[in-house]
All heavy atoms as atom14 arrays in JSON, in Angstrom:
{
  "sequence": "DPERPIFVALLDQRNLAGLGNEYVNELLFLSGLLPTRPVGEVPDV",
  "atom14_mask": [
    [1, 1, 1, 1, 1, 1, 1, 1, 0, 0, 0, 0, 0, 0],
    [1, 1, 1, 1, 1, 1, 1, 0, 0, 0, 0, 0, 0, 0],
    [1, 1, 1, 1, 1, 1, 1, 1, 1, 0, 0, 0, 0, 0],
    [1, 1, 1, 1, 1, 1, 1, 1, 1, 1, 1, 0, 0, 0],
    [1, 1, 1, 1, 1, 1, 1, 0, 0, 0, 0, 0, 0, 0],
    [1, 1, 1, 1, 1, 1, 1, 1, 0, 0, 0, 0, 0, 0],
    [1, 1, 1, 1, 1, 1, 1, 1, 1, 1, 1, 0, 0, 0],
    [1, 1, 1, 1, 1, 1, 1, 0, 0, 0, 0, 0, 0, 0],
    [1, 1, 1, 1, 1, 0, 0, 0, 0, 0, 0, 0, 0, 0],
    [1, 1, 1, 1, 1, 1, 1, 1, 0, 0, 0, 0, 0, 0],
    [1, 1, 1, 1, 1, 1, 1, 1, 0, 0, 0, 0, 0, 0],
    [1, 1, 1, 1, 1, 1, 1, 1, 0, 0, 0, 0, 0, 0],
    [1, 1, 1, 1, 1, 1, 1, 1, 1, 0, 0, 0, 0, 0],
    [1, 1, 1, 1, 1, 1, 1, 1, 1, 1, 1, 0, 0, 0],
    [1, 1, 1, 1, 1, 1, 1, 1, 0, 0, 0, 0, 0, 0],
    [1, 1, 1, 1, 1, 1, 1, 1, 0, 0, 0, 0, 0, 0],
    [1, 1, 1, 1, 1, 0, 0, 0, 0, 0, 0, 0, 0, 0],
    [1, 1, 1, 1, 0, 0, 0, 0, 0, 0, 0, 0, 0, 0],
    [1, 1, 1, 1, 1, 1, 1, 1, 0, 0, 0, 0, 0, 0],
    [1, 1, 1, 1, 0, 0, 0, 0, 0, 0, 0, 0, 0, 0],
    [1, 1, 1, 1, 1, 1, 1, 1, 0, 0, 0, 0, 0, 0],
    [1, 1, 1, 1, 1, 1, 1, 1, 1, 0, 0, 0, 0, 0],
    [1, 1, 1, 1, 1, 1, 1, 1, 1, 1, 1, 1, 0, 0],
    [1, 1, 1, 1, 1, 1, 1, 0, 0, 0, 0, 0, 0, 0],
    [1, 1, 1, 1, 1, 1, 1, 1, 0, 0, 0, 0, 0, 0],
    [1, 1, 1, 1, 1, 1, 1, 1, 1, 0, 0, 0, 0, 0],
    [1, 1, 1, 1, 1, 1, 1, 1, 0, 0, 0, 0, 0, 0],
    [1, 1, 1, 1, 1, 1, 1, 1, 0, 0, 0, 0, 0, 0],
    [1, 1, 1, 1, 1, 1, 1, 1, 1, 1, 1, 0, 0, 0],
    [1, 1, 1, 1, 1, 1, 1, 1, 0, 0, 0, 0, 0, 0],
    [1, 1, 1, 1, 1, 1, 0, 0, 0, 0, 0, 0, 0, 0],
    [1, 1, 1, 1, 0, 0, 0, 0, 0, 0, 0, 0, 0, 0],
    [1, 1, 1, 1, 1, 1, 1, 1, 0, 0, 0, 0, 0, 0],
    [1, 1, 1, 1, 1, 1, 1, 1, 0, 0, 0, 0, 0, 0],
    [1, 1, 1, 1, 1, 1, 1, 0, 0, 0, 0, 0, 0, 0],
    [1, 1, 1, 1, 1, 1, 1, 0, 0, 0, 0, 0, 0, 0],
    [1, 1, 1, 1, 1, 1, 1, 1, 1, 1, 1, 0, 0, 0],
    [1, 1, 1, 1, 1, 1, 1, 0, 0, 0, 0, 0, 0, 0],
    [1, 1, 1, 1, 1, 1, 1, 0, 0, 0, 0, 0, 0, 0],
    [1, 1, 1, 1, 0, 0, 0, 0, 0, 0, 0, 0, 0, 0],
    [1, 1, 1, 1, 1, 1, 1, 1, 1, 0, 0, 0, 0, 0],
    [1, 1, 1, 1, 1, 1, 1, 0, 0, 0, 0, 0, 0, 0],
    [1, 1, 1, 1, 1, 1, 1, 0, 0, 0, 0, 0, 0, 0],
    [1, 1, 1, 1, 1, 1, 1, 1, 0, 0, 0, 0, 0, 0],
    [1, 1, 1, 1, 1, 1, 1, 0, 0, 0, 0, 0, 0, 0]
  ],
  "atom14_positions": [
    [[-8.33, -2.17, 13.44], [-7.22, -1.48, 12.82], [-7.08, -1.65, 11.36], [-6.52, -2.56, 10.93], [-5.98, -2.17, 13.54], [-4.59, -1.46, 13.17], [-4.64, -0.5, 12.41], [-3.52, -1.76, 13.82], [0.0, 0.0, 0.0], [0.0, 0.0, 0.0], [0.0, 0.0, 0.0], [0.0, 0.0, 0.0], [0.0, 0.0, 0.0], [0.0, 0.0, 0.0]],
    [[-7.78, -0.78, 10.61], [-7.87, -0.89, 9.19], [-6.56, -0.82, 8.37], [-6.45, -1.24, 7.25], [-8.69, 0.35, 8.77], [-8.68, 1.27, 9.87], [-8.37, 0.52, 11.07], [0.0, 0.0, 0.0], [0.0, 0.0, 0.0], [0.0, 0.0, 0.0], [0.0, 0.0, 0.0], [0.0, 0.0, 0.0], [0.0, 0.0, 0.0], [0.0, 0.0, 0.0]],
    [[-5.4, -0.17, 9.08], [-4.22, -0.26, 8.3], [-3.29, -1.48, 8.52], [-2.42, -1.7, 7.66], [-3.28, 0.89, 8.99], [-4.01, 2.28, 8.72], [-4.39, 2.64, 7.33], [-3.45, 2.41, 6.46], [-5.51, 3.19, 7.06], [0.0, 0.0, 0.0], [0.0, 0.0, 0.0], [0.0, 0.0, 0.0], [0.0, 0.0, 0.0], [0.0, 0.0, 0.0]],
    [[-3.72, -2.38, 9.42], [-3.09, -3.63, 9.6], [-3.16, -4.62, 8.45], [-4.19, -4.79, 7.97], [-3.59, -4.23, 10.94], [-2.65, -5.14, 11.6], [-3.07, -5.64, 12.94], [-2.06, -6.36, 13.73], [-2.38, -6.98, 14.83], [-3.68, -7.24, 15.14], [-1.4, -7.56, 15.53], [0.0, 0.0, 0.0], [0.0, 0.0, 0.0], [0.0, 0.0, 0.0]],
    [[-2.08, -5.28, 8.1], [-2.2, -6.24, 6.99], [-3.09, -7.46, 7.32], [-3.13, -7.87, 8.67], [-0.8, -6.8, 6.88], [0.15, -5.71, 7.41], [-0.67, -5.04, 8.46], [0.0, 0.0, 0.0], [0.0, 0.0, 0.0], [0.0, 0.0, 0.0], [0.0, 0.0, 0.0], [0.0, 0.0, 0.0], [0.0, 0.0, 0.0], [0.0, 0.0, 0.0]],
    [[-3.99, -7.86, 6.59], [-4.97, -8.89, 6.92], [-4.37, -10.17, 7.5], [-4.85, -10.87, 8.26], [-5.83, -9.09, 5.68], [-7.05, -10.05, 6.03], [-5.08, -9.64, 4.45], [-8.0, -9.5, 7.04], [0.0, 0.0, 0.0], [0.0, 0.0, 0.0], [0.0, 0.0, 0.0], [0.0, 0.0, 0.0], [0.0, 0.0, 0.0], [0.0, 0.0, 0.0]],
    [[-3.13, -10.59, 6.83], [-2.43, -11.69, 7.32], [-2.12, -11.54, 8.74], [-2.42, -12.53, 9.58], [-1.21, -11.86, 6.51], [-0.21, -12.9, 6.99], [-0.47, -14.23, 6.62], [0.93, -12.55, 7.79], [0.39, -15.31, 7.09], [1.76, -13.61, 8.17], [1.47, -14.94, 7.83], [0.0, 0.0, 0.0], [0.0, 0.0, 0.0], [0.0, 0.0, 0.0]],
    [[-1.68, -10.56, 9.26], [-1.3, -10.31, 10.68], [-2.56, -10.22, 11.55], [-2.59, -10.77, 12.61], [-0.38, -8.97, 10.79], [-0.15, -8.75, 12.3], [0.81, -9.15, 9.93], [0.0, 0.0, 0.0], [0.0, 0.0, 0.0], [0.0, 0.0, 0.0], [0.0, 0.0, 0.0], [0.0, 0.0, 0.0], [0.0, 0.0, 0.0], [0.0, 0.0, 0.0]],
    [[-3.52, -9.49, 11.06], [-4.8, -9.49, 11.87], [-5.47, -10.7, 12.06], [-6.03, -10.96, 13.19], [-5.88, -8.48, 11.25], [0.0, 0.0, 0.0], [0.0, 0.0, 0.0], [0.0, 0.0, 0.0], [0.0, 0.0, 0.0], [0.0, 0.0, 0.0], [0.0, 0.0, 0.0], [0.0, 0.0, 0.0], [0.0, 0.0, 0.0], [0.0, 0.0, 0.0]],
    [[-5.49, -11.61, 11.12], [-6.08, -12.9, 11.23], [-5.23, -13.91, 12.14], [-5.78, -14.79, 12.92], [-6.29, -13.6, 9.89], [-7.39, -12.88, 9.04], [-7.3, -13.57, 7.59], [-8.67, -12.98, 9.65], [0.0, 0.0, 0.0], [0.0, 0.0, 0.0], [0.0, 0.0, 0.0], [0.0, 0.0, 0.0], [0.0, 0.0, 0.0], [0.0, 0.0, 0.0]],
    [[-4.0, -13.66, 12.19], [-3.14, -14.49, 13.23], [-3.28, -14.04, 14.61], [-2.92, -14.84, 15.5], [-1.66, -14.41, 12.69], [-1.3, -15.41, 11.46], [0.16, -15.02, 11.04], [-1.52, -16.8, 11.82], [0.0, 0.0, 0.0], [0.0, 0.0, 0.0], [0.0, 0.0, 0.0], [0.0, 0.0, 0.0], [0.0, 0.0, 0.0], [0.0, 0.0, 0.0]],
    [[-3.57, -12.91, 14.82], [-3.7, -12.24, 16.23], [-4.8, -13.06, 17.0], [-6.0, -12.76, 16.74], [-3.89, -10.79, 16.16], [-3.7, -10.19, 17.48], [-3.79, -10.84, 18.49], [-3.4, -8.91, 17.48], [0.0, 0.0, 0.0], [0.0, 0.0, 0.0], [0.0, 0.0, 0.0], [0.0, 0.0, 0.0], [0.0, 0.0, 0.0], [0.0, 0.0, 0.0]],
    [[-4.24, -13.75, 18.0], [-5.27, -14.6, 18.77], [-6.12, -13.65, 19.51], [-7.27, -14.13, 20.09], [-4.55, -15.7, 19.6], [-3.63, -16.57, 18.8], [-4.54, -17.45, 17.92], [-5.29, -18.2, 18.16], [-4.15, -17.21, 16.6], [0.0, 0.0, 0.0], [0.0, 0.0, 0.0], [0.0, 0.0, 0.0], [0.0, 0.0, 0.0], [0.0, 0.0, 0.0]],
    [[-5.8, -12.44, 19.79], [-6.64, -11.44, 20.47], [-7.87, -11.18, 19.71], [-8.98, -10.67, 20.2], [-5.93, -10.24, 20.95], [-4.76, -10.58, 21.82], [-3.88, -9.29, 21.96], [-3.12, -8.95, 20.81], [-2.36, -7.92, 20.62], [-1.98, -7.27, 21.6], [-1.73, -7.78, 19.45], [0.0, 0.0, 0.0], [0.0, 0.0, 0.0], [0.0, 0.0, 0.0]],
    [[-7.79, -11.22, 18.34], [-8.97, -10.97, 17.44], [-9.89, -12.3, 17.33], [-11.06, -11.99, 17.38], [-8.4, -10.59, 16.08], [-7.71, -9.27, 16.06], [-8.05, -8.41, 17.02], [-6.95, -8.86, 15.15], [0.0, 0.0, 0.0], [0.0, 0.0, 0.0], [0.0, 0.0, 0.0], [0.0, 0.0, 0.0], [0.0, 0.0, 0.0], [0.0, 0.0, 0.0]],
    [[-9.29, -13.39, 17.07], [-10.09, -14.66, 16.96], [-9.09, -15.67, 17.26], [-7.95, -15.67, 16.98], [-10.77, -14.68, 15.71], [-9.92, -14.85, 14.38], [-10.83, -15.34, 13.21], [-9.21, -13.62, 14.07], [0.0, 0.0, 0.0], [0.0, 0.0, 0.0], [0.0, 0.0, 0.0], [0.0, 0.0, 0.0], [0.0, 0.0, 0.0], [0.0, 0.0, 0.0]],
    [[-9.56, -16.76, 17.96], [-8.71, -17.75, 18.46], [-8.85, -19.11, 17.66], [-9.95, -19.59, 17.6], [-8.97, -18.1, 19.96], [0.0, 0.0, 0.0], [0.0, 0.0, 0.0], [0.0, 0.0, 0.0], [0.0, 0.0, 0.0], [0.0, 0.0, 0.0], [0.0, 0.0, 0.0], [0.0, 0.0, 0.0], [0.0, 0.0, 0.0], [0.0, 0.0, 0.0]],
    [[-7.7, -19.56, 17.1], [-7.67, -20.83, 16.45], [-6.96, -20.91, 15.1], [-6.49, -21.91, 14.74], [0.0, 0.0, 0.0], [0.0, 0.0, 0.0], [0.0, 0.0, 0.0], [0.0, 0.0, 0.0], [0.0, 0.0, 0.0], [0.0, 0.0, 0.0], [0.0, 0.0, 0.0], [0.0, 0.0, 0.0], [0.0, 0.0, 0.0], [0.0, 0.0, 0.0]],
    [[-6.88, -19.8, 14.46], [-6.2, -19.74, 13.1], [-4.66, -19.62, 13.31], [-4.22, -18.87, 14.1], [-6.67, -18.65, 12.31], [-8.1, -18.69, 11.74], [-8.39, -17.51, 10.8], [-8.36, -19.98, 10.96], [0.0, 0.0, 0.0], [0.0, 0.0, 0.0], [0.0, 0.0, 0.0], [0.0, 0.0, 0.0], [0.0, 0.0, 0.0], [0.0, 0.0, 0.0]],
    [[-3.94, -20.49, 12.63], [-2.41, -20.43, 12.61], [-1.86, -20.05, 11.26], [-2.69, -19.91, 10.38], [0.0, 0.0, 0.0], [0.0, 0.0, 0.0], [0.0, 0.0, 0.0], [0.0, 0.0, 0.0], [0.0, 0.0, 0.0], [0.0, 0.0, 0.0], [0.0, 0.0, 0.0], [0.0, 0.0, 0.0], [0.0, 0.0, 0.0], [0.0, 0.0, 0.0]],
    [[-0.69, -20.24, 10.99], [0.01, -19.75, 9.88], [-0.36, -20.52, 8.6], [-0.74, -19.9, 7.51], [1.52, -20.06, 9.96], [2.37, -19.03, 9.16], [1.86, -17.91, 8.8], [3.5, -19.48, 8.68], [0.0, 0.0, 0.0], [0.0, 0.0, 0.0], [0.0, 0.0, 0.0], [0.0, 0.0, 0.0], [0.0, 0.0, 0.0], [0.0, 0.0, 0.0]],
    [[-0.75, -21.79, 8.73], [-1.12, -22.62, 7.51], [-2.48, -22.14, 7.21], [-2.78, -21.95, 5.95], [-1.06, -24.03, 7.88], [-1.39, -25.0, 6.74], [-1.25, -26.46, 6.99], [-0.88, -26.83, 8.03], [-1.71, -27.24, 6.06], [0.0, 0.0, 0.0], [0.0, 0.0, 0.0], [0.0, 0.0, 0.0], [0.0, 0.0, 0.0], [0.0, 0.0, 0.0]],
    [[-3.3, -22.1, 8.08], [-4.76, -21.79, 7.78], [-4.83, -20.35, 7.13], [-5.49, -20.14, 6.24], [-5.68, -21.85, 9.0], [-6.35, -23.16, 9.22], [-5.73, -24.25, 9.97], [-7.55, -23.42, 8.5], [-6.4, -25.33, 10.14], [-8.12, -24.68, 8.56], [-7.61, -25.63, 9.39], [-8.2, -26.82, 9.54], [0.0, 0.0, 0.0], [0.0, 0.0, 0.0]],
    [[-4.11, -19.44, 7.77], [-4.3, -18.12, 7.18], [-3.66, -17.95, 5.73], [-4.29, -17.3, 4.99], [-3.55, -17.1, 8.2], [-3.59, -15.67, 7.51], [-4.3, -17.0, 9.53], [0.0, 0.0, 0.0], [0.0, 0.0, 0.0], [0.0, 0.0, 0.0], [0.0, 0.0, 0.0], [0.0, 0.0, 0.0], [0.0, 0.0, 0.0], [0.0, 0.0, 0.0]],
    [[-2.58, -18.6, 5.5], [-2.05, -18.54, 4.24], [-3.06, -19.06, 3.16], [-3.3, -18.54, 2.07], [-0.72, -19.24, 4.13], [0.42, -18.35, 4.53], [0.83, -17.57, 3.74], [1.02, -18.72, 5.59], [0.0, 0.0, 0.0], [0.0, 0.0, 0.0], [0.0, 0.0, 0.0], [0.0, 0.0, 0.0], [0.0, 0.0, 0.0], [0.0, 0.0, 0.0]],
    [[-3.51, -20.34, 3.55], [-4.49, -20.86, 2.7], [-5.84, -20.14, 2.54], [-6.47, -20.03, 1.45], [-4.9, -22.34, 3.1], [-3.68, -23.34, 3.08], [-3.28, -23.59, 1.65], [-4.0, -24.08, 0.96], [-2.08, -23.33, 1.28], [0.0, 0.0, 0.0], [0.0, 0.0, 0.0], [0.0, 0.0, 0.0], [0.0, 0.0, 0.0], [0.0, 0.0, 0.0]],
    [[-6.35, -19.59, 3.65], [-7.42, -18.74, 3.53], [-7.39, -17.55, 2.73], [-8.39, -17.16, 1.96], [-7.81, -18.31, 5.05], [-8.98, -17.43, 5.26], [-10.28, -18.03, 4.59], [-9.19, -17.05, 6.68], [0.0, 0.0, 0.0], [0.0, 0.0, 0.0], [0.0, 0.0, 0.0], [0.0, 0.0, 0.0], [0.0, 0.0, 0.0], [0.0, 0.0, 0.0]],
    [[-6.22, -16.86, 2.69], [-6.08, -15.73, 1.92], [-5.97, -16.09, 0.43], [-6.4, -15.28, -0.41], [-4.77, -15.0, 2.41], [-4.96, -14.32, 3.76], [-3.64, -13.57, 4.1], [-6.1, -13.4, 3.9], [0.0, 0.0, 0.0], [0.0, 0.0, 0.0], [0.0, 0.0, 0.0], [0.0, 0.0, 0.0], [0.0, 0.0, 0.0], [0.0, 0.0, 0.0]],
    [[-5.37, -17.2, 0.17], [-5.36, -17.56, -1.31], [-6.92, -17.84, -1.66], [-7.26, -17.37, -2.78], [-4.55, -18.85, -1.52], [-4.75, -19.39, -2.9], [-3.91, -18.88, -3.89], [-5.61, -20.38, -3.22], [-4.04, -19.43, -5.22], [-5.81, -20.83, -4.47], [-5.0, -20.37, -5.47], [0.0, 0.0, 0.0], [0.0, 0.0, 0.0], [0.0, 0.0, 0.0]],
    [[-7.61, -18.58, -0.89], [-9.05, -18.8, -1.39], [-9.85, -17.61, -1.37], [-10.85, -17.59, -2.11], [-9.6, -19.76, -0.22], [-9.09, -21.27, -0.3], [-9.52, -22.02, 0.93], [-9.51, -21.95, -1.67], [0.0, 0.0, 0.0], [0.0, 0.0, 0.0], [0.0, 0.0, 0.0], [0.0, 0.0, 0.0], [0.0, 0.0, 0.0], [0.0, 0.0, 0.0]],
    [[-9.49, -16.54, -0.7], [-10.13, -15.35, -0.67], [-9.6, -14.34, -1.62], [-10.18, -13.23, -1.87], [-10.17, -14.66, 0.73], [-10.74, -15.48, 1.62], [0.0, 0.0, 0.0], [0.0, 0.0, 0.0], [0.0, 0.0, 0.0], [0.0, 0.0, 0.0], [0.0, 0.0, 0.0], [0.0, 0.0, 0.0], [0.0, 0.0, 0.0], [0.0, 0.0, 0.0]],
    [[-8.58, -14.71, -2.46], [-7.96, -13.9, -3.38], [-7.4, -12.57, -2.84], [-7.21, -11.58, -3.54], [0.0, 0.0, 0.0], [0.0, 0.0, 0.0], [0.0, 0.0, 0.0], [0.0, 0.0, 0.0], [0.0, 0.0, 0.0], [0.0, 0.0, 0.0], [0.0, 0.0, 0.0], [0.0, 0.0, 0.0], [0.0, 0.0, 0.0], [0.0, 0.0, 0.0]],
    [[-6.76, -12.62, -1.66], [-6.17, -11.5, -0.99], [-4.72, -11.73, -0.71], [-4.26, -12.7, -0.24], [-6.92, -11.26, 0.44], [-8.37, -11.15, 0.33], [-8.93, -11.07, 1.78], [-8.72, -9.69, -0.34], [0.0, 0.0, 0.0], [0.0, 0.0, 0.0], [0.0, 0.0, 0.0], [0.0, 0.0, 0.0], [0.0, 0.0, 0.0], [0.0, 0.0, 0.0]],
    [[-4.02, -10.64, -1.12], [-2.55, -10.67, -0.89], [-2.34, -10.55, 0.74], [-3.24, -9.84, 1.5], [-1.81, -9.44, -1.47], [-1.42, -9.62, -2.85], [-0.84, -8.2, -3.36], [-0.42, -10.72, -3.15], [0.0, 0.0, 0.0], [0.0, 0.0, 0.0], [0.0, 0.0, 0.0], [0.0, 0.0, 0.0], [0.0, 0.0, 0.0], [0.0, 0.0, 0.0]],
    [[-1.36, -11.22, 1.29], [-1.22, -11.14, 2.8], [-0.97, -9.64, 3.24], [-1.43, -9.34, 4.37], [0.13, -11.98, 2.95], [0.07, -12.96, 1.89], [-0.44, -12.15, 0.7], [0.0, 0.0, 0.0], [0.0, 0.0, 0.0], [0.0, 0.0, 0.0], [0.0, 0.0, 0.0], [0.0, 0.0, 0.0], [0.0, 0.0, 0.0], [0.0, 0.0, 0.0]],
    [[-0.45, -8.75, 2.43], [-0.13, -7.54, 2.76], [-1.33, -6.46, 2.7], [-1.29, -5.33, 2.98], [1.01, -6.87, 1.87], [0.71, -7.01, 0.53], [2.3, -7.54, 2.26], [0.0, 0.0, 0.0], [0.0, 0.0, 0.0], [0.0, 0.0, 0.0], [0.0, 0.0, 0.0], [0.0, 0.0, 0.0], [0.0, 0.0, 0.0], [0.0, 0.0, 0.0]],
    [[-2.42, -7.03, 2.1], [-3.67, -6.09, 1.91], [-4.11, -5.56, 3.26], [-4.37, -6.38, 4.19], [-4.8, -6.92, 1.22], [-6.16, -6.24, 1.1], [-6.12, -5.32, -0.14], [-6.44, -6.21, -1.33], [-7.58, -6.41, -1.79], [-8.75, -5.99, -1.26], [-7.71, -7.17, -2.88], [0.0, 0.0, 0.0], [0.0, 0.0, 0.0], [0.0, 0.0, 0.0]],
    [[-4.18, -4.24, 3.39], [-4.83, -3.62, 4.65], [-6.14, -4.13, 5.0], [-6.99, -4.28, 3.95], [-4.69, -2.18, 4.31], [-3.59, -2.01, 3.32], [-3.79, -3.16, 2.42], [0.0, 0.0, 0.0], [0.0, 0.0, 0.0], [0.0, 0.0, 0.0], [0.0, 0.0, 0.0], [0.0, 0.0, 0.0], [0.0, 0.0, 0.0], [0.0, 0.0, 0.0]],
    [[-6.45, -4.32, 6.16], [-7.86, -4.8, 6.59], [-8.8, -3.84, 6.03], [-9.92, -4.34, 5.53], [-7.89, -4.94, 8.03], [-9.4, -5.14, 8.51], [-7.07, -5.97, 8.68], [0.0, 0.0, 0.0], [0.0, 0.0, 0.0], [0.0, 0.0, 0.0], [0.0, 0.0, 0.0], [0.0, 0.0, 0.0], [0.0, 0.0, 0.0], [0.0, 0.0, 0.0]],
    [[-8.65, -2.55, 6.0], [-9.57, -1.62, 5.49], [-9.9, -1.69, 4.05], [-10.91, -1.02, 3.6], [0.0, 0.0, 0.0], [0.0, 0.0, 0.0], [0.0, 0.0, 0.0], [0.0, 0.0, 0.0], [0.0, 0.0, 0.0], [0.0, 0.0, 0.0], [0.0, 0.0, 0.0], [0.0, 0.0, 0.0], [0.0, 0.0, 0.0], [0.0, 0.0, 0.0]],
    [[-9.06, -2.36, 3.29], [-9.29, -2.55, 1.93], [-9.82, -3.99, 1.5], [-9.84, -4.23, 0.33], [-7.95, -2.29, 1.12], [-7.4, -0.85, 1.26], [-6.09, -0.7, 0.55], [-5.78, -1.49, -0.28], [-5.42, 0.28, 0.66], [0.0, 0.0, 0.0], [0.0, 0.0, 0.0], [0.0, 0.0, 0.0], [0.0, 0.0, 0.0], [0.0, 0.0, 0.0]],
    [[-10.13, -4.7, 2.58], [-10.75, -5.97, 2.27], [-12.25, -5.8, 2.12], [-12.94, -5.27, 3.06], [-10.51, -6.94, 3.47], [-11.3, -8.29, 3.29], [-9.0, -7.22, 3.52], [0.0, 0.0, 0.0], [0.0, 0.0, 0.0], [0.0, 0.0, 0.0], [0.0, 0.0, 0.0], [0.0, 0.0, 0.0], [0.0, 0.0, 0.0], [0.0, 0.0, 0.0]],
    [[-12.84, -6.1, 1.02], [-14.33, -5.81, 0.69], [-15.28, -6.44, 1.82], [-16.27, -5.7, 2.21], [-14.53, -6.39, -0.69], [-13.23, -6.53, -1.32], [-12.33, -6.7, -0.15], [0.0, 0.0, 0.0], [0.0, 0.0, 0.0], [0.0, 0.0, 0.0], [0.0, 0.0, 0.0], [0.0, 0.0, 0.0], [0.0, 0.0, 0.0], [0.0, 0.0, 0.0]],
    [[-15.03, -7.51, 2.21], [-16.01, -8.23, 3.13], [-15.25, -9.04, 4.13], [-14.95, -10.18, 4.05], [-16.91, -9.13, 2.47], [-18.11, -9.61, 3.25], [-18.05, -9.47, 4.44], [-19.16, -9.94, 2.63], [0.0, 0.0, 0.0], [0.0, 0.0, 0.0], [0.0, 0.0, 0.0], [0.0, 0.0, 0.0], [0.0, 0.0, 0.0], [0.0, 0.0, 0.0]],
    [[-14.86, -8.32, 5.19], [-13.97, -9.03, 6.31], [-14.69, -10.2, 6.97], [-14.13, -11.32, 7.24], [-13.54, -8.01, 7.4], [-12.89, -8.8, 8.56], [-12.66, -6.97, 6.82], [0.0, 0.0, 0.0], [0.0, 0.0, 0.0], [0.0, 0.0, 0.0], [0.0, 0.0, 0.0], [0.0, 0.0, 0.0], [0.0, 0.0, 0.0], [0.0, 0.0, 0.0]]
  ]
}
């Protein structure tokens, strides 16, 4: 779903199991990505 915000997509346990709110927030900072960035605009998912 390329239109979905990357924050929401990474939290969805149907996509991958184990990441929660703390991890996703920290991961997106380390990756330089705004939480609202659409998945389709992430250079290397």
